[in-house]
Amino acid sequence: MHESRWSRWDGPPSSARTAAQALCGGLRAAAFRAPVLLFDIGAARLLGHRFLLLTHRGRRTGLVHRTVLEVIGWDPLRREATVLVGFGPRADWFRNLRRGGGLEVRAGDDRFVPVHRVLDVAEAAEALAGYERRNRMITPVLRAILSRLAGFDYDGTPEARLRLVGELPIVAVRPA
């Protein structure tokens, strides 16, 4: 016996679900665009080298994308910024960058065409440890966020740090 489409209840009408999903999706999209707008209006200088704007070309589409990333380390002599790939090696910006799609980096007053390198596990662990030392006040929040991103309870021990950077790469970008 087959089930008719009228024999079960699927919740509110699809138009109500669609409107709510559109509102949430629109708010989420605006929240993700907001940091880019800071760079567009020139206000990102106030952030110094705490964040950077990476402009990159899509590896499949060729479209230009812009992503704001938190800088976990800045070397002013080399003009090198270090960033954590928070969504892991499958993050689109990371895959685009690795395929040669890095077009521009903006951080503070710096603007440059980037070259990148993926830090080895030891260097990445040290970069993350330095970030944690410089941000002791937010360590509990930071560890909670990193735990969620990595999918395990990150407690800041050297062993956990090595495991974390093995799953979430750290990338350095500097002028070409």
N, C-alpha and C. Protein backbone atom coordinates (compact mmCIF):
# COMPACT_ATOMS: atom_id res chain seq x y z
N MET A 1 0.85 -1.17 0.00
CA MET A 1 0.00 0.00 0.00
C MET A 1 0.90 1.24 0.00
N HIS A 2 0.63 2.16 -0.87
CA HIS A 2 1.45 3.36 -0.92
C HIS A 2 0.81 4.48 -0.11
N GLU A 3 1.63 5.39 0.32
CA GLU A 3 1.18 6.49 1.16
C GLU A 3 0.85 7.68 0.26
N SER A 4 -0.32 8.24 0.45
CA SER A 4 -0.65 9.40 -0.37
C SER A 4 0.07 10.62 0.18
N ARG A 5 0.21 11.61 -0.64
CA ARG A 5 0.91 12.80 -0.19
C ARG A 5 0.11 13.56 0.85
N TRP A 6 -1.16 13.24 1.04
CA TRP A 6 -2.00 13.92 2.02
C TRP A 6 -2.06 13.17 3.34
N SER A 7 -1.45 12.01 3.44
CA SER A 7 -1.61 11.21 4.64
C SER A 7 -0.59 11.53 5.73
N ARG A 8 0.31 12.42 5.49
CA ARG A 8 1.27 12.79 6.54
C ARG A 8 1.37 14.30 6.60
N TRP A 9 1.76 14.81 7.77
CA TRP A 9 1.88 16.25 7.95
C TRP A 9 3.34 16.64 7.88
N ASP A 10 3.69 17.59 7.03
CA ASP A 10 5.07 18.01 6.82
C ASP A 10 5.40 19.33 7.49
N GLY A 11 4.61 19.76 8.42
CA GLY A 11 4.91 21.03 9.08
C GLY A 11 4.20 22.17 8.40
N PRO A 12 4.65 23.39 8.66
CA PRO A 12 3.96 24.55 8.09
C PRO A 12 4.09 24.57 6.58
N PRO A 13 3.22 25.34 5.93
CA PRO A 13 3.30 25.42 4.47
C PRO A 13 4.69 25.82 4.02
N SER A 14 5.06 25.35 2.84
CA SER A 14 6.42 25.59 2.36
C SER A 14 6.71 27.08 2.22
N SER A 15 5.69 27.89 1.94
CA SER A 15 5.92 29.33 1.80
C SER A 15 6.39 29.93 3.13
N ALA A 16 5.87 29.45 4.26
CA ALA A 16 6.31 29.96 5.57
C ALA A 16 7.73 29.52 5.86
N ARG A 17 8.05 28.25 5.56
CA ARG A 17 9.42 27.78 5.77
C ARG A 17 10.38 28.54 4.87
N THR A 18 9.99 28.75 3.64
CA THR A 18 10.85 29.43 2.68
C THR A 18 11.13 30.86 3.12
N ALA A 19 10.12 31.57 3.61
CA ALA A 19 10.31 32.95 4.06
C ALA A 19 11.26 33.00 5.25
N ALA A 20 11.08 32.09 6.21
CA ALA A 20 11.95 32.06 7.39
C ALA A 20 13.37 31.70 6.99
N GLN A 21 13.52 30.73 6.11
CA GLN A 21 14.86 30.34 5.65
C GLN A 21 15.52 31.47 4.89
N ALA A 22 14.74 32.19 4.09
CA ALA A 22 15.30 33.31 3.33
C ALA A 22 15.77 34.41 4.27
N LEU A 23 14.98 34.68 5.32
CA LEU A 23 15.37 35.71 6.28
C LEU A 23 16.66 35.31 6.99
N CYS A 24 16.72 34.08 7.48
CA CYS A 24 17.94 33.60 8.15
C CYS A 24 19.12 33.59 7.20
N GLY A 25 18.90 33.12 5.99
CA GLY A 25 19.98 33.09 5.01
C GLY A 25 20.47 34.48 4.67
N GLY A 26 19.54 35.43 4.54
CA GLY A 26 19.90 36.80 4.24
C GLY A 26 20.69 37.45 5.37
N LEU A 27 20.26 37.20 6.61
CA LEU A 27 21.00 37.73 7.77
C LEU A 27 22.38 37.12 7.87
N ARG A 28 22.46 35.83 7.61
CA ARG A 28 23.75 35.15 7.66
C ARG A 28 24.68 35.70 6.57
N ALA A 29 24.15 35.89 5.38
CA ALA A 29 24.96 36.43 4.28
C ALA A 29 25.44 37.84 4.61
N ALA A 30 24.57 38.65 5.20
CA ALA A 30 24.96 40.02 5.58
C ALA A 30 26.05 39.99 6.64
N ALA A 31 25.93 39.07 7.58
CA ALA A 31 26.95 38.97 8.64
C ALA A 31 28.31 38.59 8.05
N PHE A 32 28.30 37.71 7.06
CA PHE A 32 29.57 37.32 6.44
C PHE A 32 30.13 38.42 5.54
N ARG A 33 29.25 39.26 4.97
CA ARG A 33 29.72 40.36 4.12
C ARG A 33 30.20 41.56 4.93
N ALA A 34 29.73 41.71 6.17
CA ALA A 34 30.05 42.90 6.97
C ALA A 34 31.55 43.15 7.11
N PRO A 35 32.37 42.16 7.42
CA PRO A 35 33.81 42.44 7.53
C PRO A 35 34.42 42.94 6.21
N VAL A 36 33.94 42.43 5.09
CA VAL A 36 34.45 42.88 3.80
C VAL A 36 34.12 44.36 3.61
N LEU A 37 32.94 44.77 4.07
CA LEU A 37 32.54 46.17 3.95
C LEU A 37 33.49 47.09 4.71
N LEU A 38 34.01 46.62 5.85
CA LEU A 38 34.99 47.43 6.59
C LEU A 38 36.20 47.75 5.72
N PHE A 39 36.63 46.79 4.95
CA PHE A 39 37.76 47.02 4.04
C PHE A 39 37.34 47.97 2.91
N ASP A 40 36.12 47.80 2.42
CA ASP A 40 35.65 48.63 1.31
C ASP A 40 35.54 50.11 1.69
N ILE A 41 35.16 50.41 2.93
CA ILE A 41 34.99 51.81 3.32
C ILE A 41 36.25 52.39 3.96
N GLY A 42 37.32 51.61 4.04
CA GLY A 42 38.58 52.11 4.58
C GLY A 42 38.69 52.01 6.09
N ALA A 43 37.70 51.43 6.75
CA ALA A 43 37.73 51.34 8.21
C ALA A 43 38.59 50.19 8.71
N ALA A 44 39.02 49.32 7.84
CA ALA A 44 39.81 48.17 8.26
C ALA A 44 41.17 48.59 8.80
N ARG A 45 41.63 49.80 8.44
CA ARG A 45 42.90 50.29 8.99
C ARG A 45 42.87 50.33 10.51
N LEU A 46 41.68 50.55 11.05
CA LEU A 46 41.53 50.58 12.50
C LEU A 46 41.85 49.23 13.13
N LEU A 47 41.71 48.17 12.36
CA LEU A 47 41.97 46.81 12.85
C LEU A 47 43.45 46.45 12.78
N GLY A 48 44.22 47.27 12.10
CA GLY A 48 45.65 46.98 11.96
C GLY A 48 45.85 45.67 11.22
N HIS A 49 46.76 44.86 11.72
CA HIS A 49 47.05 43.57 11.10
C HIS A 49 46.35 42.43 11.82
N ARG A 50 45.25 42.73 12.48
CA ARG A 50 44.49 41.71 13.20
C ARG A 50 43.66 40.85 12.25
N PHE A 51 43.25 41.46 11.13
CA PHE A 51 42.48 40.76 10.10
C PHE A 51 43.07 41.10 8.75
N LEU A 52 42.85 40.23 7.79
CA LEU A 52 43.27 40.54 6.42
C LEU A 52 42.13 40.21 5.47
N LEU A 53 42.16 40.87 4.33
CA LEU A 53 41.21 40.59 3.27
C LEU A 53 41.96 39.88 2.16
N LEU A 54 41.57 38.66 1.88
CA LEU A 54 42.17 37.87 0.81
C LEU A 54 41.24 37.91 -0.40
N THR A 55 41.76 38.41 -1.52
CA THR A 55 41.02 38.37 -2.77
C THR A 55 41.60 37.21 -3.57
N HIS A 56 40.74 36.31 -3.99
CA HIS A 56 41.20 35.09 -4.66
C HIS A 56 40.27 34.73 -5.81
N ARG A 57 40.82 34.01 -6.78
CA ARG A 57 40.06 33.57 -7.95
C ARG A 57 39.62 32.13 -7.74
N GLY A 58 38.35 31.87 -8.03
CA GLY A 58 37.81 30.52 -7.91
C GLY A 58 38.54 29.54 -8.81
N ARG A 59 38.86 28.40 -8.27
CA ARG A 59 39.64 27.40 -9.02
C ARG A 59 38.83 26.78 -10.15
N ARG A 60 37.51 26.76 -10.04
CA ARG A 60 36.67 26.17 -11.09
C ARG A 60 35.98 27.24 -11.93
N THR A 61 35.42 28.23 -11.26
CA THR A 61 34.61 29.22 -11.97
C THR A 61 35.42 30.38 -12.52
N GLY A 62 36.57 30.66 -11.90
CA GLY A 62 37.35 31.82 -12.29
C GLY A 62 36.81 33.12 -11.73
N LEU A 63 35.72 33.05 -10.95
CA LEU A 63 35.15 34.24 -10.34
C LEU A 63 36.05 34.75 -9.23
N VAL A 64 36.01 36.06 -8.99
CA VAL A 64 36.81 36.66 -7.93
C VAL A 64 35.99 36.67 -6.64
N HIS A 65 36.62 36.21 -5.56
CA HIS A 65 35.99 36.16 -4.24
C HIS A 65 36.85 36.92 -3.25
N ARG A 66 36.22 37.41 -2.18
CA ARG A 66 36.95 38.10 -1.12
C ARG A 66 36.56 37.49 0.22
N THR A 67 37.57 37.18 1.01
CA THR A 67 37.35 36.53 2.30
C THR A 67 38.17 37.26 3.36
N VAL A 68 37.52 37.58 4.48
CA VAL A 68 38.23 38.19 5.61
C VAL A 68 38.66 37.07 6.55
N LEU A 69 39.94 37.10 6.93
CA LEU A 69 40.52 36.06 7.78
C LEU A 69 41.17 36.71 9.00
N GLU A 70 41.08 36.04 10.14
CA GLU A 70 41.76 36.53 11.33
C GLU A 70 43.23 36.16 11.26
N VAL A 71 44.08 37.12 11.54
CA VAL A 71 45.52 36.90 11.52
C VAL A 71 45.95 36.41 12.90
N ILE A 72 46.60 35.26 12.96
CA ILE A 72 47.06 34.76 14.25
C ILE A 72 48.52 35.12 14.50
N GLY A 73 49.19 35.62 13.48
CA GLY A 73 50.58 36.05 13.64
C GLY A 73 50.96 37.01 12.52
N TRP A 74 51.73 38.06 12.87
CA TRP A 74 52.17 39.04 11.87
C TRP A 74 53.65 39.30 12.08
N ASP A 75 54.44 39.11 11.02
CA ASP A 75 55.87 39.40 11.04
C ASP A 75 56.08 40.66 10.21
N PRO A 76 56.31 41.82 10.87
CA PRO A 76 56.42 43.08 10.13
C PRO A 76 57.65 43.15 9.23
N LEU A 77 58.73 42.45 9.58
CA LEU A 77 59.93 42.49 8.74
C LEU A 77 59.70 41.80 7.40
N ARG A 78 59.04 40.67 7.43
CA ARG A 78 58.76 39.93 6.19
C ARG A 78 57.42 40.32 5.57
N ARG A 79 56.63 41.11 6.34
CA ARG A 79 55.25 41.45 5.95
C ARG A 79 54.46 40.16 5.70
N GLU A 80 54.64 39.22 6.62
CA GLU A 80 54.01 37.90 6.49
C GLU A 80 52.91 37.75 7.54
N ALA A 81 51.72 37.40 7.07
CA ALA A 81 50.58 37.15 7.95
C ALA A 81 50.34 35.65 8.02
N THR A 82 50.01 35.17 9.20
CA THR A 82 49.73 33.76 9.42
C THR A 82 48.26 33.62 9.78
N VAL A 83 47.55 32.70 9.11
CA VAL A 83 46.12 32.50 9.35
C VAL A 83 45.82 31.01 9.51
N LEU A 84 44.84 30.73 10.32
CA LEU A 84 44.37 29.36 10.55
C LEU A 84 43.25 29.07 9.55
N VAL A 85 43.29 27.91 8.93
CA VAL A 85 42.22 27.49 8.01
C VAL A 85 41.14 26.85 8.88
N GLY A 86 40.27 27.69 9.42
CA GLY A 86 39.30 27.26 10.42
C GLY A 86 38.34 26.18 9.97
N PHE A 87 38.00 26.14 8.69
CA PHE A 87 37.09 25.12 8.20
C PHE A 87 37.82 23.95 7.56
N GLY A 88 39.12 23.88 7.80
CA GLY A 88 39.89 22.74 7.34
C GLY A 88 40.35 22.85 5.90
N PRO A 89 41.07 21.84 5.45
CA PRO A 89 41.69 21.89 4.13
C PRO A 89 40.70 21.94 2.96
N ARG A 90 39.43 21.74 3.21
CA ARG A 90 38.44 21.80 2.14
C ARG A 90 37.81 23.19 2.02
N ALA A 91 38.29 24.16 2.82
CA ALA A 91 37.78 25.53 2.72
C ALA A 91 38.07 26.06 1.32
N ASP A 92 37.07 26.68 0.72
CA ASP A 92 37.22 27.14 -0.66
C ASP A 92 38.36 28.13 -0.82
N TRP A 93 38.48 29.10 0.09
CA TRP A 93 39.54 30.10 -0.08
C TRP A 93 40.92 29.44 -0.04
N PHE A 94 41.06 28.43 0.81
CA PHE A 94 42.34 27.72 0.94
C PHE A 94 42.64 26.94 -0.34
N ARG A 95 41.65 26.24 -0.86
CA ARG A 95 41.84 25.47 -2.10
C ARG A 95 42.11 26.40 -3.27
N ASN A 96 41.44 27.55 -3.31
CA ASN A 96 41.70 28.53 -4.37
C ASN A 96 43.11 29.08 -4.27
N LEU A 97 43.54 29.40 -3.06
CA LEU A 97 44.89 29.92 -2.84
C LEU A 97 45.94 28.90 -3.28
N ARG A 98 45.74 27.65 -2.93
CA ARG A 98 46.70 26.59 -3.28
C ARG A 98 46.78 26.36 -4.78
N ARG A 99 45.70 26.64 -5.48
CA ARG A 99 45.71 26.48 -6.93
C ARG A 99 46.22 27.73 -7.65
N GLY A 100 46.80 28.65 -6.89
CA GLY A 100 47.36 29.85 -7.51
C GLY A 100 46.38 30.98 -7.67
N GLY A 101 45.28 30.93 -6.92
CA GLY A 101 44.24 31.94 -7.07
C GLY A 101 44.38 33.16 -6.20
N GLY A 102 45.49 33.30 -5.44
CA GLY A 102 45.64 34.47 -4.58
C GLY A 102 45.95 35.71 -5.40
N LEU A 103 45.05 36.69 -5.39
CA LEU A 103 45.21 37.89 -6.20
C LEU A 103 45.75 39.06 -5.39
N GLU A 104 45.23 39.22 -4.16
CA GLU A 104 45.65 40.35 -3.34
C GLU A 104 45.37 40.06 -1.87
N VAL A 105 46.24 40.62 -1.02
CA VAL A 105 46.03 40.60 0.42
C VAL A 105 46.06 42.05 0.89
N ARG A 106 45.09 42.40 1.73
CA ARG A 106 45.08 43.72 2.37
C ARG A 106 45.03 43.50 3.87
N ALA A 107 45.96 44.14 4.57
CA ALA A 107 45.99 44.07 6.04
C ALA A 107 46.57 45.38 6.53
N GLY A 108 45.82 46.07 7.38
CA GLY A 108 46.28 47.38 7.83
C GLY A 108 46.47 48.27 6.62
N ASP A 109 47.65 48.89 6.52
CA ASP A 109 47.98 49.73 5.36
C ASP A 109 48.69 48.94 4.26
N ASP A 110 48.91 47.66 4.47
CA ASP A 110 49.62 46.83 3.49
C ASP A 110 48.66 46.28 2.44
N ARG A 111 49.15 46.28 1.22
CA ARG A 111 48.44 45.65 0.09
C ARG A 111 49.50 44.97 -0.75
N PHE A 112 49.27 43.71 -1.07
CA PHE A 112 50.26 43.01 -1.89
C PHE A 112 49.66 41.81 -2.59
N VAL A 113 50.32 41.40 -3.67
CA VAL A 113 50.00 40.14 -4.34
C VAL A 113 50.70 39.06 -3.52
N PRO A 114 49.95 38.06 -3.05
CA PRO A 114 50.54 37.10 -2.12
C PRO A 114 51.20 35.89 -2.76
N VAL A 115 52.19 35.40 -2.04
CA VAL A 115 52.64 34.02 -2.20
C VAL A 115 52.33 33.38 -0.86
N HIS A 116 52.12 32.11 -0.87
CA HIS A 116 51.74 31.45 0.38
C HIS A 116 52.60 30.22 0.63
N ARG A 117 52.56 29.80 1.87
CA ARG A 117 53.17 28.52 2.24
C ARG A 117 52.33 27.94 3.37
N VAL A 118 52.18 26.63 3.35
CA VAL A 118 51.49 25.93 4.42
C VAL A 118 52.54 25.56 5.45
N LEU A 119 52.35 25.98 6.69
CA LEU A 119 53.32 25.71 7.74
C LEU A 119 53.34 24.22 8.06
N ASP A 120 54.53 23.70 8.34
CA ASP A 120 54.60 22.30 8.79
C ASP A 120 54.01 22.23 10.19
N VAL A 121 53.76 21.02 10.66
CA VAL A 121 53.05 20.83 11.93
C VAL A 121 53.77 21.50 13.10
N ALA A 122 55.07 21.39 13.18
CA ALA A 122 55.81 21.99 14.30
C ALA A 122 55.72 23.51 14.28
N GLU A 123 55.92 24.11 13.11
CA GLU A 123 55.85 25.57 13.01
C GLU A 123 54.42 26.06 13.24
N ALA A 124 53.45 25.31 12.75
CA ALA A 124 52.05 25.67 12.94
C ALA A 124 51.67 25.61 14.42
N ALA A 125 52.13 24.58 15.12
CA ALA A 125 51.84 24.45 16.55
C ALA A 125 52.45 25.62 17.33
N GLU A 126 53.65 26.04 16.96
CA GLU A 126 54.29 27.18 17.62
C GLU A 126 53.53 28.47 17.33
N ALA A 127 53.07 28.63 16.10
CA ALA A 127 52.29 29.82 15.74
C ALA A 127 51.00 29.89 16.55
N LEU A 128 50.33 28.75 16.70
CA LEU A 128 49.09 28.71 17.48
C LEU A 128 49.37 28.96 18.96
N ALA A 129 50.45 28.40 19.47
CA ALA A 129 50.82 28.62 20.88
C ALA A 129 51.09 30.11 21.12
N GLY A 130 51.78 30.76 20.20
CA GLY A 130 52.04 32.19 20.32
C GLY A 130 50.76 33.00 20.31
N TYR A 131 49.83 32.63 19.46
CA TYR A 131 48.53 33.31 19.41
C TYR A 131 47.80 33.16 20.74
N GLU A 132 47.82 31.96 21.29
CA GLU A 132 47.15 31.73 22.57
C GLU A 132 47.81 32.54 23.69
N ARG A 133 49.15 32.62 23.68
CA ARG A 133 49.85 33.42 24.71
C ARG A 133 49.47 34.89 24.61
N ARG A 134 49.37 35.41 23.41
CA ARG A 134 49.05 36.82 23.22
C ARG A 134 47.59 37.14 23.50
N ASN A 135 46.76 36.13 23.59
CA ASN A 135 45.31 36.33 23.78
C ASN A 135 44.78 35.56 24.98
N ARG A 136 45.50 35.62 26.07
CA ARG A 136 45.13 34.85 27.28
C ARG A 136 43.73 35.17 27.78
N MET A 137 43.31 36.41 27.63
CA MET A 137 42.00 36.82 28.15
C MET A 137 40.84 36.07 27.47
N ILE A 138 41.02 35.70 26.23
CA ILE A 138 39.94 35.03 25.51
C ILE A 138 40.19 33.54 25.31
N THR A 139 41.18 33.01 26.02
CA THR A 139 41.54 31.60 25.84
C THR A 139 40.36 30.64 25.99
N PRO A 140 39.49 30.79 27.00
CA PRO A 140 38.36 29.84 27.10
C PRO A 140 37.44 29.89 25.87
N VAL A 141 37.18 31.08 25.38
CA VAL A 141 36.33 31.20 24.19
C VAL A 141 37.05 30.63 22.98
N LEU A 142 38.33 30.97 22.84
CA LEU A 142 39.14 30.49 21.73
C LEU A 142 39.17 28.96 21.71
N ARG A 143 39.38 28.35 22.84
CA ARG A 143 39.44 26.88 22.89
C ARG A 143 38.10 26.26 22.58
N ALA A 144 37.02 26.90 23.01
CA ALA A 144 35.69 26.38 22.68
C ALA A 144 35.45 26.44 21.17
N ILE A 145 35.84 27.54 20.55
CA ILE A 145 35.66 27.68 19.10
C ILE A 145 36.53 26.67 18.36
N LEU A 146 37.79 26.55 18.77
CA LEU A 146 38.69 25.60 18.11
C LEU A 146 38.21 24.17 18.31
N SER A 147 37.66 23.86 19.47
CA SER A 147 37.11 22.52 19.71
C SER A 147 36.00 22.22 18.72
N ARG A 148 35.13 23.19 18.53
CA ARG A 148 34.01 22.99 17.60
C ARG A 148 34.51 22.83 16.17
N LEU A 149 35.47 23.65 15.78
CA LEU A 149 36.00 23.57 14.41
C LEU A 149 36.74 22.26 14.15
N ALA A 150 37.51 21.83 15.15
CA ALA A 150 38.33 20.62 14.97
C ALA A 150 37.56 19.33 15.20
N GLY A 151 36.45 19.42 15.93
CA GLY A 151 35.65 18.23 16.18
C GLY A 151 36.14 17.38 17.34
N PHE A 152 36.98 17.95 18.21
CA PHE A 152 37.39 17.26 19.42
C PHE A 152 37.63 18.31 20.50
N ASP A 153 37.74 17.87 21.75
CA ASP A 153 37.90 18.79 22.87
C ASP A 153 39.34 19.31 22.91
N TYR A 154 39.52 20.51 22.39
CA TYR A 154 40.85 21.13 22.36
C TYR A 154 41.11 21.80 23.71
N ASP A 155 42.14 21.31 24.41
CA ASP A 155 42.42 21.84 25.76
C ASP A 155 43.71 22.67 25.83
N GLY A 156 44.38 22.87 24.72
CA GLY A 156 45.58 23.71 24.70
C GLY A 156 46.86 23.00 25.09
N THR A 157 46.81 21.72 25.34
CA THR A 157 48.03 20.99 25.65
C THR A 157 48.85 20.86 24.36
N PRO A 158 50.17 20.63 24.49
CA PRO A 158 50.98 20.46 23.28
C PRO A 158 50.49 19.33 22.38
N GLU A 159 50.02 18.25 22.97
CA GLU A 159 49.52 17.13 22.18
C GLU A 159 48.26 17.53 21.40
N ALA A 160 47.34 18.21 22.09
CA ALA A 160 46.10 18.65 21.45
C ALA A 160 46.40 19.68 20.36
N ARG A 161 47.37 20.54 20.63
CA ARG A 161 47.75 21.56 19.64
C ARG A 161 48.30 20.90 18.37
N LEU A 162 49.14 19.88 18.53
CA LEU A 162 49.67 19.16 17.36
C LEU A 162 48.55 18.49 16.58
N ARG A 163 47.61 17.90 17.31
CA ARG A 163 46.47 17.27 16.64
C ARG A 163 45.65 18.30 15.90
N LEU A 164 45.41 19.45 16.52
CA LEU A 164 44.60 20.49 15.91
C LEU A 164 45.21 21.00 14.62
N VAL A 165 46.50 21.33 14.65
CA VAL A 165 47.12 21.88 13.44
C VAL A 165 47.31 20.80 12.37
N GLY A 166 47.23 19.53 12.77
CA GLY A 166 47.22 18.46 11.78
C GLY A 166 45.90 18.41 11.02
N GLU A 167 44.82 18.89 11.65
CA GLU A 167 43.51 18.87 11.02
C GLU A 167 43.12 20.22 10.42
N LEU A 168 43.57 21.30 11.03
CA LEU A 168 43.28 22.65 10.56
C LEU A 168 44.61 23.32 10.20
N PRO A 169 44.96 23.33 8.93
CA PRO A 169 46.26 23.88 8.53
C PRO A 169 46.41 25.35 8.89
N ILE A 170 47.65 25.79 8.96
CA ILE A 170 47.97 27.19 9.15
C ILE A 170 48.78 27.62 7.94
N VAL A 171 48.40 28.76 7.38
CA VAL A 171 49.00 29.27 6.15
C VAL A 171 49.63 30.63 6.41
N ALA A 172 50.77 30.86 5.80
CA ALA A 172 51.42 32.18 5.86
C ALA A 172 51.36 32.78 4.46
N VAL A 173 50.99 34.07 4.39
CA VAL A 173 50.99 34.80 3.13
C VAL A 173 51.90 36.01 3.28
N ARG A 174 52.62 36.31 2.22
CA ARG A 174 53.54 37.47 2.21
C ARG A 174 53.61 37.99 0.78
N PRO A 175 54.21 39.17 0.60
CA PRO A 175 54.30 39.70 -0.77
C PRO A 175 55.12 38.81 -1.68
N ALA A 176 54.70 38.73 -2.92
CA ALA A 176 55.41 37.92 -3.92
C ALA A 176 56.77 38.51 -4.21
